[in-house]
Amino acid sequence: MYTVSIENCPSYSQNDVKVALENSFKNLGEIEKYIKKGQRVFLKANLLKKNRPDDAVTTHPSIVEAVANAIKAIGAIPVIGDSPAGPFSYRALKSIYESTGMADVAARTGAELNYDTEEVEVKIPSGKIIKQATFMKALMECDAIVSMPKLKTHGLTVYTGAVKNQFGAIPGLVKAGYHLSMPDVKDFSDMLIDINTILKPVLTIMDAVVAMEGNGPSAGRPKKVGLIISSDDVFALDTVATSIIGLKHQDVPTVFMAQRRGLGRMEDIIIAGMNIEDVKIDDFDIPTLRGFSVTEKIPPFLSRYLDRHVKPYPIFHHDICKSCGICVSNCPPKALKMVGNKPVVDLKTCIRCFCCQELCPHKAVSIKKPSIAKLFYR
C-alpha cells in the first residue's frame, strides 16, 4: 500500500506552503522516514524551460524553497536541478535557474544548484521497453531523490505529473532520441514507467497550487487548484492527481500503462488529508485525448491509416511566430524547416511528439484535431 497526501494550499505565500508541507509530511509519516541526516538530496523540479514562476510552466520556487528548508533542518543537503529541454550546458542551466526563481531559492536557503552536465548509463534489467538509459550523473550520485512535478496538461501524454517529471533526469538533447525511437505514445509511456522503476524518488511533492490547463505543458493557461499532493510512490500520485482533475485513467497513457503492470492501482492507495471528491475540479480544460486505449484494439492496417489521417497534428501560427527557430532545432525527426523565415512541418515525417508546441517560447504552436478524429479522440 502507498499513501497519497492531499493538502489545501490556497497560495504560494511562505506560510501557506509551510503549513501545507508540514501537514503533508505528517500524513506520510514525517520527512525523517525518507531522508537522513548527511544525505545529499536531489530536488528534481520541473524546469522545462525559461519561464517566470507566474507562468505556471515550472515548479514554483516557494515550494522548492520550503522543501529545501525542511531538508536542511534535519541536516541533509538539498541539491536543486533538472535537465531542461534543449542543450544541457552550464549556460542553459544558469539562465533557467535565474528565470524560474531557483537561483534566488539557492541564495536564500544555501541549497546547491546543480551545474554538473556529465551523463551516466544505467542498466534497467526489468525494463519492458528499454534495458538501459542515460541519466544526469549528479542525480544518480545523490543519496535520495525528491521529485517535484507541476500539475499540467500535455500534448503527447495528455497529463504530465510525477511519472513524466522523471523524463527530465535524461540529459537535454538525449531526450530527442527517445522521442524518435518511441513515437508511439504507448511505447513512450512504457519507457517513462521503466525509468521510474530505477529512479524511485523517496518522496514526490507536486505543485498543484496553480496548475496548467489547456494547451500544456507550456502554452496553456494557469488554473487555480489550491493543493499540494504528495506521495511515497509516483504511480499512486498520478492516479490520484488525474482523478482530481476529472481524467479517466484509461485516457492517460502513463497511468493506463502503469496500471496494466499493477502499478498505481486505486485499490492499493491510502488517501490522507483531504478526500478526492472534496477537491475534484469539474471544469479543468483537458487537451485533445489521443484515444490510444481505443485505437490499440483496432487491426494494424486500420491503425496505420488512423496514424496518417486522423491523429492530431501541430499548427504553426505565423502571425505569432518570432522566427526564433527553437522548434526546428529541437524537432526529433527533423520534420520542420524554416521557409520564408517561418517554420513549416512535413506531416509525413512528423511523429506527433509535440516537442515544437512544448518548447515554443511564444505560444505560436497549437494542436489541431481533424473532424473525423472525433470518432476516436475526445
Protein backbone atom coordinates (compact mmCIF):
# COMPACT_ATOMS: atom_id res chain seq x y z
CA MET A 1 0.00 0.00 0.00
CA TYR A 2 1.12 3.54 -0.79
CA THR A 3 -0.07 6.81 0.70
CA VAL A 4 -1.10 9.91 -1.23
CA SER A 5 -1.48 13.10 0.78
CA ILE A 6 -3.84 15.83 -0.45
CA GLU A 7 -3.44 19.13 1.38
CA ASN A 8 -5.03 22.52 0.88
CA CYS A 9 -2.61 25.29 -0.13
CA PRO A 10 -4.54 28.41 -1.17
CA SER A 11 -1.50 30.44 -2.27
CA TYR A 12 2.26 30.43 -2.71
CA SER A 13 2.77 32.54 0.40
CA GLN A 14 5.52 31.30 2.69
CA ASN A 15 3.06 30.50 5.48
CA ASP A 16 0.51 28.66 3.30
CA VAL A 17 3.19 26.49 1.72
CA LYS A 18 4.89 25.75 5.04
CA VAL A 19 1.63 24.66 6.69
CA ALA A 20 0.63 22.50 3.71
CA LEU A 21 4.02 20.79 3.63
CA GLU A 22 4.08 20.19 7.38
CA ASN A 23 0.66 18.53 7.12
CA SER A 24 1.83 16.54 4.09
CA PHE A 25 4.85 15.19 5.96
CA LYS A 26 2.63 14.21 8.90
CA ASN A 27 0.31 12.37 6.53
CA LEU A 28 3.23 10.45 5.04
CA GLY A 29 4.96 9.68 8.34
CA GLU A 30 7.34 12.67 8.75
CA ILE A 31 10.24 13.60 6.48
CA GLU A 32 12.84 11.77 8.62
CA LYS A 33 11.27 8.50 7.50
CA TYR A 34 12.54 9.17 3.97
CA ILE A 35 15.61 11.39 4.34
CA LYS A 36 18.50 11.01 6.78
CA LYS A 37 21.00 13.45 8.21
CA GLY A 38 24.03 13.98 5.97
CA GLN A 39 22.36 12.73 2.79
CA ARG A 40 22.63 14.65 -0.46
CA VAL A 41 19.07 15.01 -1.75
CA PHE A 42 18.36 15.91 -5.37
CA LEU A 43 15.29 18.14 -5.65
CA LYS A 44 14.17 17.25 -9.16
CA ALA A 45 11.91 20.16 -10.07
CA ASN A 46 10.08 20.61 -13.37
CA LEU A 47 12.18 23.31 -15.04
CA LEU A 48 11.01 22.74 -18.59
CA LYS A 49 12.35 25.98 -19.97
CA LYS A 50 12.99 29.66 -19.29
CA ASN A 51 9.74 30.82 -17.74
CA ARG A 52 8.75 33.02 -14.85
CA PRO A 53 7.13 31.33 -11.85
CA ASP A 54 3.76 33.00 -12.55
CA ASP A 55 3.58 31.36 -15.98
CA ALA A 56 2.66 28.05 -14.28
CA VAL A 57 5.09 26.16 -16.53
CA THR A 58 7.66 25.26 -13.88
CA THR A 59 7.59 24.15 -10.25
CA HIS A 60 7.03 27.25 -8.13
CA PRO A 61 10.11 28.41 -6.20
CA SER A 62 8.18 28.86 -2.96
CA ILE A 63 7.51 25.12 -2.77
CA VAL A 64 11.09 24.23 -3.67
CA GLU A 65 12.30 26.68 -1.01
CA ALA A 66 10.08 25.17 1.68
CA VAL A 67 11.22 21.64 0.85
CA ALA A 68 14.88 22.73 0.78
CA ASN A 69 14.48 24.30 4.23
CA ALA A 70 12.82 21.14 5.58
CA ILE A 71 15.70 19.03 4.27
CA LYS A 72 18.32 21.35 5.73
CA ALA A 73 16.51 21.32 9.08
CA ILE A 74 17.24 17.61 9.51
CA GLY A 75 20.87 18.02 8.50
CA ALA A 76 20.65 16.85 4.89
CA ILE A 77 21.95 18.71 1.82
CA PRO A 78 19.43 19.82 -0.85
CA VAL A 79 20.62 19.96 -4.48
CA ILE A 80 18.23 21.69 -6.89
CA GLY A 81 18.27 20.67 -10.52
CA ASP A 82 16.72 19.41 -13.72
CA SER A 83 17.74 18.76 -17.29
CA PRO A 84 15.51 21.09 -19.31
CA ALA A 85 14.72 20.71 -22.97
CA GLY A 86 17.49 21.77 -25.34
CA PRO A 87 21.23 21.86 -24.63
CA PHE A 88 22.31 20.56 -21.21
CA SER A 89 25.02 23.13 -20.53
CA TYR A 90 26.18 25.43 -17.75
CA ARG A 91 24.93 28.46 -19.66
CA ALA A 92 21.47 26.97 -20.26
CA LEU A 93 21.13 25.85 -16.64
CA LYS A 94 22.20 29.23 -15.28
CA SER A 95 19.64 31.04 -17.43
CA ILE A 96 16.82 28.70 -16.40
CA TYR A 97 17.72 28.78 -12.70
CA GLU A 98 17.58 32.57 -12.80
CA SER A 99 14.30 32.89 -14.72
CA THR A 100 12.43 30.23 -12.73
CA GLY A 101 13.46 31.64 -9.35
CA MET A 102 15.69 28.70 -8.39
CA ALA A 103 18.79 30.88 -8.14
CA ASP A 104 17.01 33.02 -5.56
CA VAL A 105 15.93 29.90 -3.65
CA ALA A 106 19.53 28.70 -3.51
CA ALA A 107 20.70 32.11 -2.29
CA ARG A 108 18.10 32.20 0.48
CA THR A 109 18.40 28.60 1.66
CA GLY A 110 22.01 27.65 0.96
CA ALA A 111 20.84 24.80 -1.28
CA GLU A 112 23.16 23.81 -4.10
CA LEU A 113 22.29 24.34 -7.75
CA ASN A 114 23.40 21.51 -10.00
CA TYR A 115 25.72 22.55 -12.82
CA ASP A 116 27.25 19.12 -13.42
CA THR A 117 26.37 18.17 -17.01
CA GLU A 118 28.02 14.76 -17.05
CA GLU A 119 25.98 11.76 -18.14
CA VAL A 120 25.92 8.16 -16.96
CA GLU A 121 24.47 4.98 -18.47
CA VAL A 122 22.31 2.95 -16.10
CA LYS A 123 21.00 -0.56 -16.72
CA ILE A 124 17.28 -1.27 -16.32
CA PRO A 125 17.17 -5.10 -16.14
CA SER A 126 13.40 -5.25 -15.59
CA GLY A 127 12.61 -2.69 -18.30
CA LYS A 128 9.82 -3.55 -20.71
CA ILE A 129 10.80 -1.11 -23.46
CA ILE A 130 14.37 -0.12 -22.58
CA LYS A 131 17.10 -2.05 -20.78
CA GLN A 132 19.31 0.95 -20.10
CA ALA A 133 19.03 4.73 -20.06
CA THR A 134 21.20 7.83 -19.98
CA PHE A 135 20.74 9.94 -16.85
CA MET A 136 22.25 13.01 -15.23
CA LYS A 137 25.27 11.80 -13.28
CA ALA A 138 24.66 14.33 -10.49
CA LEU A 139 21.17 12.99 -9.86
CA MET A 140 22.32 9.37 -9.78
CA GLU A 141 25.14 10.19 -7.36
CA CYS A 142 22.82 11.75 -4.77
CA ASP A 143 21.65 9.62 -1.85
CA ALA A 144 17.97 10.35 -2.44
CA ILE A 145 15.65 11.98 -4.95
CA VAL A 146 12.67 14.16 -4.11
CA SER A 147 10.66 14.67 -7.28
CA MET A 148 8.80 17.99 -7.51
CA PRO A 149 6.50 17.94 -10.55
CA LYS A 150 3.99 20.55 -11.67
CA LEU A 151 0.40 19.51 -12.41
CA LYS A 152 -0.13 20.25 -16.12
CA THR A 153 -1.77 19.03 -19.29
CA HIS A 154 0.45 17.69 -22.07
CA GLY A 155 0.07 17.40 -25.84
CA LEU A 156 1.61 13.93 -26.10
CA THR A 157 0.74 12.24 -22.81
CA VAL A 158 -2.46 14.25 -22.04
CA TYR A 159 -1.21 14.88 -18.49
CA THR A 160 2.24 15.45 -17.02
CA GLY A 161 2.94 14.84 -13.36
CA ALA A 162 5.05 12.54 -11.24
CA VAL A 163 5.95 9.87 -13.81
CA LYS A 164 6.60 12.29 -16.68
CA ASN A 165 8.70 14.58 -14.45
CA GLN A 166 11.41 11.92 -14.28
CA PHE A 167 11.98 12.24 -18.04
CA GLY A 168 13.91 15.36 -17.04
CA ALA A 169 16.54 13.09 -15.50
CA ILE A 170 17.60 12.33 -19.07
CA PRO A 171 20.08 14.97 -20.25
CA GLY A 172 18.99 17.69 -22.66
CA LEU A 173 19.18 16.70 -26.29
CA VAL A 174 19.41 12.98 -25.43
CA LYS A 175 15.64 13.18 -24.89
CA ALA A 176 15.11 13.66 -28.63
CA GLY A 177 16.47 10.18 -29.30
CA TYR A 178 13.86 8.66 -27.01
CA HIS A 179 11.07 10.52 -28.79
CA LEU A 180 12.41 9.43 -32.16
CA SER A 181 12.81 5.77 -31.27
CA MET A 182 9.45 5.60 -29.47
CA PRO A 183 6.97 7.71 -31.49
CA ASP A 184 4.02 5.61 -30.31
CA VAL A 185 2.61 7.06 -27.09
CA LYS A 186 2.15 3.58 -25.59
CA ASP A 187 5.84 2.76 -26.04
CA PHE A 188 6.87 6.22 -24.85
CA SER A 189 4.73 5.85 -21.73
CA ASP A 190 6.12 2.39 -21.03
CA MET A 191 9.61 3.87 -21.33
CA LEU A 192 8.70 6.50 -18.73
CA ILE A 193 7.47 3.75 -16.44
CA ASP A 194 10.73 1.83 -16.98
CA ILE A 195 12.90 4.77 -15.90
CA ASN A 196 10.73 5.33 -12.83
CA THR A 197 11.33 1.75 -11.69
CA ILE A 198 15.02 2.67 -11.45
CA LEU A 199 14.96 6.27 -10.21
CA LYS A 200 12.38 5.72 -7.42
CA PRO A 201 12.19 9.08 -5.62
CA VAL A 202 11.77 8.69 -1.87
CA LEU A 203 9.12 11.40 -1.98
CA THR A 204 7.16 13.15 -4.70
CA ILE A 205 5.73 16.56 -3.87
CA MET A 206 3.50 18.00 -6.58
CA ASP A 207 2.89 21.70 -7.09
CA ALA A 208 -0.85 21.79 -7.74
CA VAL A 209 -1.41 25.21 -6.21
CA VAL A 210 -1.69 26.76 -9.67
CA ALA A 211 -1.73 24.10 -12.37
CA MET A 212 -1.78 24.44 -16.16
CA GLU A 213 -4.82 23.52 -18.26
CA GLY A 214 -5.48 23.58 -21.98
CA ASN A 215 -2.54 23.72 -24.35
CA GLY A 216 0.06 22.42 -21.88
CA PRO A 217 2.77 21.81 -20.90
CA SER A 218 3.95 25.35 -21.67
CA ALA A 219 1.34 27.20 -23.76
CA GLY A 220 -1.73 26.56 -21.64
CA ARG A 221 -3.44 28.70 -19.04
CA PRO A 222 -2.76 28.86 -15.29
CA LYS A 223 -5.55 27.15 -13.34
CA LYS A 224 -6.05 27.61 -9.60
CA VAL A 225 -6.30 24.21 -7.91
CA GLY A 226 -5.01 25.12 -4.45
CA LEU A 227 -3.39 21.83 -3.50
CA ILE A 228 -0.08 20.20 -2.67
CA ILE A 229 -0.25 16.49 -3.50
CA SER A 230 2.48 14.25 -2.08
CA SER A 231 3.26 10.55 -2.05
CA ASP A 232 5.87 7.89 -1.48
CA ASP A 233 5.04 6.47 -4.92
CA VAL A 234 4.98 8.26 -8.29
CA PHE A 235 2.37 5.97 -9.83
CA ALA A 236 -0.03 6.36 -6.92
CA LEU A 237 0.30 10.14 -7.04
CA ASP A 238 -0.55 10.31 -10.74
CA THR A 239 -3.58 8.07 -10.23
CA VAL A 240 -4.91 10.46 -7.61
CA ALA A 241 -3.95 13.71 -9.38
CA THR A 242 -5.63 12.68 -12.63
CA SER A 243 -8.75 11.74 -10.68
CA ILE A 244 -8.81 15.20 -9.11
CA ILE A 245 -8.82 16.96 -12.49
CA GLY A 246 -11.51 14.67 -13.88
CA LEU A 247 -9.45 12.46 -16.18
CA LYS A 248 -10.34 8.81 -16.69
CA HIS A 249 -7.33 6.62 -16.07
CA GLN A 250 -7.73 4.83 -19.41
CA ASP A 251 -7.32 8.21 -21.15
CA VAL A 252 -3.91 8.93 -19.57
CA PRO A 253 -1.21 6.78 -21.20
CA THR A 254 1.25 6.80 -18.29
CA VAL A 255 -1.48 5.89 -15.78
CA PHE A 256 -3.17 3.31 -18.02
CA MET A 257 0.08 1.53 -18.92
CA ALA A 258 1.30 1.61 -15.30
CA GLN A 259 -1.92 0.05 -14.04
CA ARG A 260 -1.52 -2.69 -16.63
CA ARG A 261 1.69 -3.55 -14.80
CA GLY A 262 -0.07 -3.47 -11.44
CA LEU A 263 1.31 -0.03 -10.54
CA GLY A 264 -0.73 2.85 -9.16
CA ARG A 265 -3.97 0.93 -8.76
CA MET A 266 -6.54 2.80 -6.71
CA GLU A 267 -7.18 -0.23 -4.51
CA ASP A 268 -3.53 -0.08 -3.41
CA ILE A 269 -3.66 3.59 -2.38
CA ILE A 270 -4.39 5.15 1.00
CA ILE A 271 -5.66 8.74 0.78
CA ALA A 272 -4.56 11.01 3.63
CA GLY A 273 -5.60 14.59 4.32
CA MET A 274 -8.44 15.75 2.07
CA ASN A 275 -10.73 13.44 0.08
CA ILE A 276 -10.60 13.31 -3.72
CA GLU A 277 -14.31 14.08 -4.06
CA ASP A 278 -13.97 17.19 -1.89
CA VAL A 279 -11.28 18.74 -4.11
CA LYS A 280 -12.31 17.48 -7.55
CA ILE A 281 -12.14 20.02 -10.40
CA ASP A 282 -15.09 19.72 -12.78
CA ASP A 283 -14.05 22.34 -15.33
CA PHE A 284 -10.36 21.52 -15.86
CA ASP A 285 -9.67 22.07 -19.59
CA ILE A 286 -8.11 18.89 -20.95
CA PRO A 287 -6.29 18.87 -24.33
CA THR A 288 -7.19 16.57 -27.20
CA LEU A 289 -7.24 12.99 -25.92
CA ARG A 290 -5.30 10.67 -28.18
CA GLY A 291 -7.71 7.77 -27.76
CA PHE A 292 -4.87 5.25 -27.57
CA SER A 293 -6.82 2.86 -25.33
CA VAL A 294 -9.43 2.61 -28.10
CA THR A 295 -7.23 2.61 -31.22
CA GLU A 296 -4.87 -0.05 -29.86
CA LYS A 297 -7.73 -2.55 -30.27
CA ILE A 298 -8.04 -1.73 -33.98
CA PRO A 299 -6.35 -4.01 -36.60
CA PRO A 300 -2.82 -2.84 -37.60
CA PHE A 301 -3.76 -1.85 -41.17
CA LEU A 302 -6.53 0.43 -39.91
CA SER A 303 -4.31 1.76 -37.15
CA ARG A 304 -1.75 2.82 -39.76
CA TYR A 305 -4.50 4.67 -41.66
CA LEU A 306 -5.52 6.46 -38.48
CA ASP A 307 -1.91 7.41 -37.83
CA ARG A 308 -1.74 9.11 -41.23
CA HIS A 309 -5.16 10.74 -41.42
CA VAL A 310 -6.75 11.04 -38.01
CA LYS A 311 -4.08 11.84 -35.44
CA PRO A 312 -3.89 15.38 -34.08
CA TYR A 313 -1.07 17.44 -35.59
CA PRO A 314 0.77 20.70 -34.86
CA ILE A 315 -0.37 24.02 -36.32
CA PHE A 316 2.11 26.91 -36.57
CA HIS A 317 0.67 30.40 -36.13
CA HIS A 318 2.97 32.54 -38.25
CA ASP A 319 1.34 35.75 -37.06
CA ILE A 320 2.58 34.98 -33.53
CA CYS A 321 5.86 33.27 -34.50
CA LYS A 322 9.06 35.26 -33.85
CA SER A 323 11.21 33.09 -36.15
CA CYS A 324 13.49 32.01 -33.29
CA GLY A 325 13.92 28.52 -34.77
CA ILE A 326 13.74 26.69 -31.42
CA CYS A 327 11.06 24.35 -32.78
CA VAL A 328 13.18 23.47 -35.81
CA SER A 329 16.39 22.82 -33.88
CA ASN A 330 14.62 20.64 -31.29
CA CYS A 331 12.42 18.54 -33.61
CA PRO A 332 13.45 14.88 -33.04
CA PRO A 333 12.57 13.55 -36.55
CA LYS A 334 13.67 16.77 -38.31
CA ALA A 335 10.18 17.26 -39.71
CA LEU A 336 10.42 21.05 -39.53
CA LYS A 337 12.26 23.55 -41.69
CA MET A 338 12.25 27.32 -41.99
CA VAL A 339 10.53 28.56 -45.16
CA GLY A 340 10.44 32.31 -45.61
CA ASN A 341 11.74 32.64 -42.06
CA LYS A 342 8.77 30.67 -40.65
CA PRO A 343 8.54 27.00 -39.59
CA VAL A 344 6.79 24.56 -41.91
CA VAL A 345 6.06 20.94 -40.93
CA ASP A 346 6.24 17.80 -43.06
CA LEU A 347 3.37 15.77 -41.59
CA LYS A 348 4.62 12.57 -43.22
CA THR A 349 7.79 12.84 -41.14
CA CYS A 350 6.17 14.31 -38.02
CA ILE A 351 5.85 11.77 -35.17
CA ARG A 352 3.38 13.88 -33.14
CA CYS A 353 5.66 14.20 -30.13
CA PHE A 354 4.66 17.89 -29.98
CA CYS A 355 8.10 18.99 -28.77
CA CYS A 356 7.58 22.04 -31.00
CA GLN A 357 4.47 23.04 -29.08
CA GLU A 358 6.11 22.24 -25.75
CA LEU A 359 9.23 24.34 -26.38
CA CYS A 360 7.86 27.34 -28.28
CA PRO A 361 8.52 30.39 -26.08
CA HIS A 362 5.86 32.46 -27.85
CA LYS A 363 2.86 30.07 -27.74
CA ALA A 364 2.83 30.04 -31.54
CA VAL A 365 2.11 26.31 -31.88
CA SER A 366 -1.20 24.60 -31.16
CA ILE A 367 -2.57 21.11 -31.73
CA LYS A 368 -5.21 20.56 -34.43
CA LYS A 369 -7.72 17.71 -34.30
CA PRO A 370 -9.27 16.66 -37.66
CA SER A 371 -13.07 16.44 -37.67
CA ILE A 372 -13.04 12.68 -38.27
CA ALA A 373 -10.84 12.29 -35.20
CA LYS A 374 -13.88 12.89 -33.00
CA LEU A 375 -14.77 9.24 -33.61
CA PHE A 376 -11.54 8.19 -31.92
CA TYR A 377 -10.29 11.15 -29.88
CA ARG A 378 -12.19 13.31 -27.44
